[in-house]
N, C-alpha and C. Protein backbone atom coordinates (compact mmCIF):
# COMPACT_ATOMS: atom_id res chain seq x y z
N MET A 1 9.09 5.09 37.41
CA MET A 1 8.56 3.79 37.07
C MET A 1 8.62 3.59 35.55
N GLU A 2 9.17 2.49 35.14
CA GLU A 2 9.30 2.20 33.71
C GLU A 2 8.06 1.45 33.22
N ILE A 3 7.54 1.89 32.10
CA ILE A 3 6.37 1.25 31.51
C ILE A 3 6.84 0.06 30.70
N PRO A 4 6.27 -1.12 30.96
CA PRO A 4 6.70 -2.29 30.18
C PRO A 4 6.26 -2.17 28.73
N ARG A 5 7.10 -2.67 27.84
CA ARG A 5 6.79 -2.62 26.41
C ARG A 5 6.10 -3.91 25.99
N MET A 6 5.12 -3.73 25.15
CA MET A 6 4.42 -4.89 24.59
C MET A 6 5.30 -5.50 23.51
N PRO A 7 5.30 -6.83 23.42
CA PRO A 7 6.06 -7.44 22.32
C PRO A 7 5.44 -7.03 20.98
N CYS A 8 6.26 -6.86 20.00
CA CYS A 8 5.81 -6.39 18.69
C CYS A 8 6.01 -7.48 17.66
N ARG A 9 4.96 -7.81 16.93
CA ARG A 9 5.09 -8.87 15.93
C ARG A 9 5.90 -8.43 14.72
N TYR A 10 6.10 -7.13 14.54
CA TYR A 10 6.80 -6.61 13.38
C TYR A 10 8.26 -6.26 13.62
N GLY A 11 8.67 -6.22 14.82
CA GLY A 11 10.03 -5.80 15.09
C GLY A 11 10.18 -5.38 16.53
N SER A 12 11.16 -4.59 16.77
CA SER A 12 11.50 -4.28 18.15
C SER A 12 10.88 -3.01 18.69
N SER A 13 10.27 -2.21 17.86
CA SER A 13 9.76 -0.93 18.38
C SER A 13 8.34 -0.65 17.89
N PRO A 14 7.59 0.11 18.67
CA PRO A 14 6.26 0.52 18.21
C PRO A 14 6.33 1.35 16.93
N GLN A 15 7.37 2.15 16.77
CA GLN A 15 7.51 2.97 15.56
C GLN A 15 7.61 2.07 14.32
N HIS A 16 8.33 0.99 14.45
CA HIS A 16 8.47 0.05 13.34
C HIS A 16 7.13 -0.59 13.02
N ARG A 17 6.40 -0.98 14.05
CA ARG A 17 5.07 -1.57 13.86
C ARG A 17 4.16 -0.59 13.11
N ILE A 18 4.20 0.66 13.51
CA ILE A 18 3.37 1.68 12.86
C ILE A 18 3.76 1.83 11.40
N ARG A 19 5.07 1.84 11.11
CA ARG A 19 5.54 1.94 9.73
C ARG A 19 4.96 0.81 8.87
N VAL A 20 5.02 -0.41 9.40
CA VAL A 20 4.53 -1.57 8.66
C VAL A 20 3.01 -1.49 8.50
N GLU A 21 2.32 -1.10 9.55
CA GLU A 21 0.86 -1.00 9.47
C GLU A 21 0.42 0.09 8.48
N LEU A 22 1.17 1.16 8.36
CA LEU A 22 0.85 2.20 7.38
C LEU A 22 1.03 1.67 5.95
N ILE A 23 2.04 0.86 5.74
CA ILE A 23 2.23 0.24 4.42
C ILE A 23 1.05 -0.67 4.11
N GLU A 24 0.67 -1.49 5.08
CA GLU A 24 -0.46 -2.39 4.88
C GLU A 24 -1.73 -1.59 4.58
N ALA A 25 -1.94 -0.49 5.27
CA ALA A 25 -3.12 0.35 5.04
C ALA A 25 -3.06 0.97 3.65
N ASP A 26 -1.89 1.47 3.24
CA ASP A 26 -1.74 2.03 1.89
C ASP A 26 -2.13 1.00 0.84
N LEU A 27 -1.64 -0.23 1.00
CA LEU A 27 -1.93 -1.26 0.02
C LEU A 27 -3.42 -1.59 -0.02
N GLU A 28 -4.04 -1.68 1.14
CA GLU A 28 -5.47 -1.97 1.18
C GLU A 28 -6.28 -0.85 0.51
N ILE A 29 -5.92 0.38 0.80
CA ILE A 29 -6.60 1.52 0.17
C ILE A 29 -6.37 1.51 -1.34
N GLY A 30 -5.15 1.25 -1.76
CA GLY A 30 -4.84 1.21 -3.19
C GLY A 30 -5.66 0.16 -3.93
N PHE A 31 -5.77 -1.03 -3.35
CA PHE A 31 -6.55 -2.08 -3.99
C PHE A 31 -8.04 -1.73 -4.01
N THR A 32 -8.53 -1.10 -2.95
CA THR A 32 -9.93 -0.69 -2.91
C THR A 32 -10.23 0.36 -3.98
N LEU A 33 -9.37 1.36 -4.09
CA LEU A 33 -9.55 2.39 -5.11
C LEU A 33 -9.51 1.78 -6.52
N THR A 34 -8.62 0.84 -6.71
CA THR A 34 -8.50 0.18 -8.01
C THR A 34 -9.75 -0.62 -8.34
N ASP A 35 -10.27 -1.34 -7.34
CA ASP A 35 -11.51 -2.10 -7.56
C ASP A 35 -12.66 -1.17 -7.92
N LEU A 36 -12.75 -0.05 -7.24
CA LEU A 36 -13.80 0.92 -7.54
C LEU A 36 -13.66 1.46 -8.97
N ALA A 37 -12.43 1.76 -9.36
CA ALA A 37 -12.19 2.28 -10.71
C ALA A 37 -12.51 1.24 -11.76
N ALA A 38 -12.20 -0.02 -11.48
CA ALA A 38 -12.46 -1.09 -12.44
C ALA A 38 -13.94 -1.35 -12.63
N SER A 39 -14.75 -0.90 -11.69
CA SER A 39 -16.20 -1.11 -11.80
C SER A 39 -16.85 -0.09 -12.74
N ARG A 40 -16.00 0.61 -13.47
CA ARG A 40 -16.44 1.61 -14.47
C ARG A 40 -17.21 2.77 -13.84
N SER A 41 -16.75 3.14 -12.70
CA SER A 41 -17.32 4.30 -12.02
C SER A 41 -17.07 5.54 -12.88
N PRO A 42 -17.99 6.52 -12.82
CA PRO A 42 -17.75 7.76 -13.57
C PRO A 42 -16.49 8.48 -13.09
N ASP A 43 -16.06 8.16 -11.89
CA ASP A 43 -14.85 8.78 -11.32
C ASP A 43 -13.61 7.90 -11.51
N SER A 44 -13.63 6.98 -12.45
CA SER A 44 -12.52 6.03 -12.61
C SER A 44 -11.16 6.70 -12.75
N SER A 45 -11.08 7.74 -13.54
CA SER A 45 -9.79 8.41 -13.74
C SER A 45 -9.25 8.98 -12.45
N ARG A 46 -10.13 9.62 -11.70
CA ARG A 46 -9.71 10.21 -10.42
C ARG A 46 -9.32 9.11 -9.43
N LEU A 47 -10.10 8.03 -9.39
CA LEU A 47 -9.80 6.92 -8.48
C LEU A 47 -8.46 6.28 -8.81
N LEU A 48 -8.19 6.10 -10.10
CA LEU A 48 -6.90 5.52 -10.50
C LEU A 48 -5.74 6.45 -10.18
N ALA A 49 -5.96 7.75 -10.33
CA ALA A 49 -4.91 8.71 -9.97
C ALA A 49 -4.63 8.63 -8.48
N GLU A 50 -5.68 8.54 -7.68
CA GLU A 50 -5.50 8.41 -6.23
C GLU A 50 -4.79 7.10 -5.88
N ALA A 51 -5.17 6.02 -6.56
CA ALA A 51 -4.50 4.74 -6.32
C ALA A 51 -3.01 4.84 -6.66
N GLY A 52 -2.69 5.58 -7.71
CA GLY A 52 -1.29 5.80 -8.06
C GLY A 52 -0.54 6.56 -6.99
N HIS A 53 -1.19 7.57 -6.41
CA HIS A 53 -0.56 8.33 -5.31
C HIS A 53 -0.35 7.44 -4.08
N VAL A 54 -1.33 6.60 -3.80
CA VAL A 54 -1.22 5.68 -2.66
C VAL A 54 -0.07 4.69 -2.90
N LEU A 55 0.05 4.22 -4.13
CA LEU A 55 1.16 3.32 -4.47
C LEU A 55 2.50 4.00 -4.23
N LEU A 56 2.63 5.24 -4.64
CA LEU A 56 3.88 5.98 -4.42
C LEU A 56 4.17 6.15 -2.93
N ASP A 57 3.13 6.42 -2.15
CA ASP A 57 3.30 6.53 -0.69
C ASP A 57 3.78 5.20 -0.11
N ALA A 58 3.15 4.11 -0.55
CA ALA A 58 3.54 2.79 -0.05
C ALA A 58 4.99 2.49 -0.42
N LEU A 59 5.37 2.80 -1.65
CA LEU A 59 6.76 2.57 -2.09
C LEU A 59 7.75 3.38 -1.24
N ALA A 60 7.42 4.61 -0.96
CA ALA A 60 8.30 5.44 -0.14
C ALA A 60 8.46 4.85 1.26
N ARG A 61 7.36 4.35 1.81
CA ARG A 61 7.43 3.74 3.14
C ARG A 61 8.23 2.44 3.11
N VAL A 62 8.00 1.63 2.09
CA VAL A 62 8.72 0.35 1.96
C VAL A 62 10.22 0.61 1.83
N ASN A 63 10.59 1.63 1.09
CA ASN A 63 12.01 1.93 0.89
C ASN A 63 12.72 2.34 2.17
N ARG A 64 11.96 2.69 3.20
CA ARG A 64 12.58 3.04 4.49
C ARG A 64 12.83 1.81 5.36
N LEU A 65 12.33 0.65 4.93
CA LEU A 65 12.53 -0.58 5.69
C LEU A 65 13.86 -1.22 5.33
N GLU A 66 14.24 -2.20 6.11
CA GLU A 66 15.45 -2.97 5.81
C GLU A 66 15.21 -3.79 4.54
N PRO A 67 16.28 -4.09 3.79
CA PRO A 67 16.11 -4.83 2.53
C PRO A 67 15.33 -6.14 2.67
N ALA A 68 15.54 -6.89 3.72
CA ALA A 68 14.82 -8.15 3.90
C ALA A 68 13.32 -7.90 4.05
N GLU A 69 12.97 -6.82 4.72
CA GLU A 69 11.56 -6.48 4.90
C GLU A 69 10.96 -5.93 3.61
N GLN A 70 11.76 -5.23 2.84
CA GLN A 70 11.28 -4.71 1.55
C GLN A 70 10.83 -5.86 0.66
N LYS A 71 11.57 -6.97 0.70
CA LYS A 71 11.24 -8.12 -0.15
C LYS A 71 9.89 -8.72 0.22
N ILE A 72 9.49 -8.59 1.47
CA ILE A 72 8.20 -9.11 1.91
C ILE A 72 7.07 -8.38 1.19
N PHE A 73 7.22 -7.07 1.01
CA PHE A 73 6.17 -6.26 0.40
C PHE A 73 6.25 -6.21 -1.13
N GLU A 74 7.36 -6.63 -1.69
CA GLU A 74 7.57 -6.53 -3.13
C GLU A 74 6.45 -7.16 -3.96
N PRO A 75 5.98 -8.38 -3.65
CA PRO A 75 4.90 -8.96 -4.45
C PRO A 75 3.61 -8.14 -4.39
N LEU A 76 3.28 -7.60 -3.23
CA LEU A 76 2.06 -6.80 -3.10
C LEU A 76 2.17 -5.48 -3.86
N ILE A 77 3.33 -4.88 -3.82
CA ILE A 77 3.56 -3.63 -4.56
C ILE A 77 3.40 -3.90 -6.06
N LYS A 78 3.99 -4.99 -6.53
CA LYS A 78 3.88 -5.34 -7.96
C LYS A 78 2.44 -5.64 -8.34
N GLU A 79 1.72 -6.33 -7.46
CA GLU A 79 0.33 -6.66 -7.75
C GLU A 79 -0.54 -5.41 -7.78
N LEU A 80 -0.30 -4.47 -6.89
CA LEU A 80 -1.06 -3.22 -6.91
C LEU A 80 -0.77 -2.45 -8.19
N ARG A 81 0.48 -2.38 -8.58
CA ARG A 81 0.83 -1.69 -9.83
C ARG A 81 0.11 -2.34 -11.02
N ARG A 82 0.10 -3.67 -11.06
CA ARG A 82 -0.57 -4.41 -12.13
C ARG A 82 -2.08 -4.15 -12.10
N ALA A 83 -2.67 -4.14 -10.90
CA ALA A 83 -4.11 -3.90 -10.76
C ALA A 83 -4.48 -2.50 -11.25
N ILE A 84 -3.65 -1.53 -10.95
CA ILE A 84 -3.90 -0.16 -11.42
C ILE A 84 -3.85 -0.11 -12.94
N ASP A 85 -2.84 -0.76 -13.52
CA ASP A 85 -2.72 -0.79 -14.98
C ASP A 85 -3.93 -1.46 -15.63
N LEU A 86 -4.35 -2.60 -15.08
CA LEU A 86 -5.50 -3.32 -15.64
C LEU A 86 -6.79 -2.51 -15.49
N ALA A 87 -6.98 -1.89 -14.34
CA ALA A 87 -8.18 -1.08 -14.13
C ALA A 87 -8.20 0.09 -15.11
N GLY A 88 -7.04 0.64 -15.40
CA GLY A 88 -6.96 1.73 -16.38
C GLY A 88 -7.37 1.27 -17.76
N LEU A 89 -6.97 0.06 -18.13
CA LEU A 89 -7.37 -0.47 -19.43
C LEU A 89 -8.87 -0.76 -19.47
N GLN A 90 -9.40 -1.31 -18.37
CA GLN A 90 -10.82 -1.65 -18.32
C GLN A 90 -11.71 -0.41 -18.34
N SER A 91 -11.23 0.64 -17.69
CA SER A 91 -12.06 1.84 -17.61
C SER A 91 -11.86 2.76 -18.82
N GLY A 92 -10.92 2.38 -19.68
CA GLY A 92 -10.65 3.18 -20.86
C GLY A 92 -9.72 4.34 -20.57
N GLY A 93 -9.08 4.35 -19.35
CA GLY A 93 -8.22 5.44 -18.97
C GLY A 93 -6.82 5.24 -19.25
């Protein structure tokens, strides 16, 4: 018996959907870490370093997508990079 596949809003396979959802999660985590660092937390340096690692993970995942899909995430990647830079300036890091 064949199991019917659910339609996927991100593409044709569940694996692709998971890839996209992981990128979205990376970006959300990165922005959250950046916001925490910008609040002048005593752990700002560590939080910004973690946000940088999350950004690199997101970039690696985005680079595995098709070029047209990469362009969809490009503005968010740039915004996260900018937010990390600004939080570093605000926290003195």
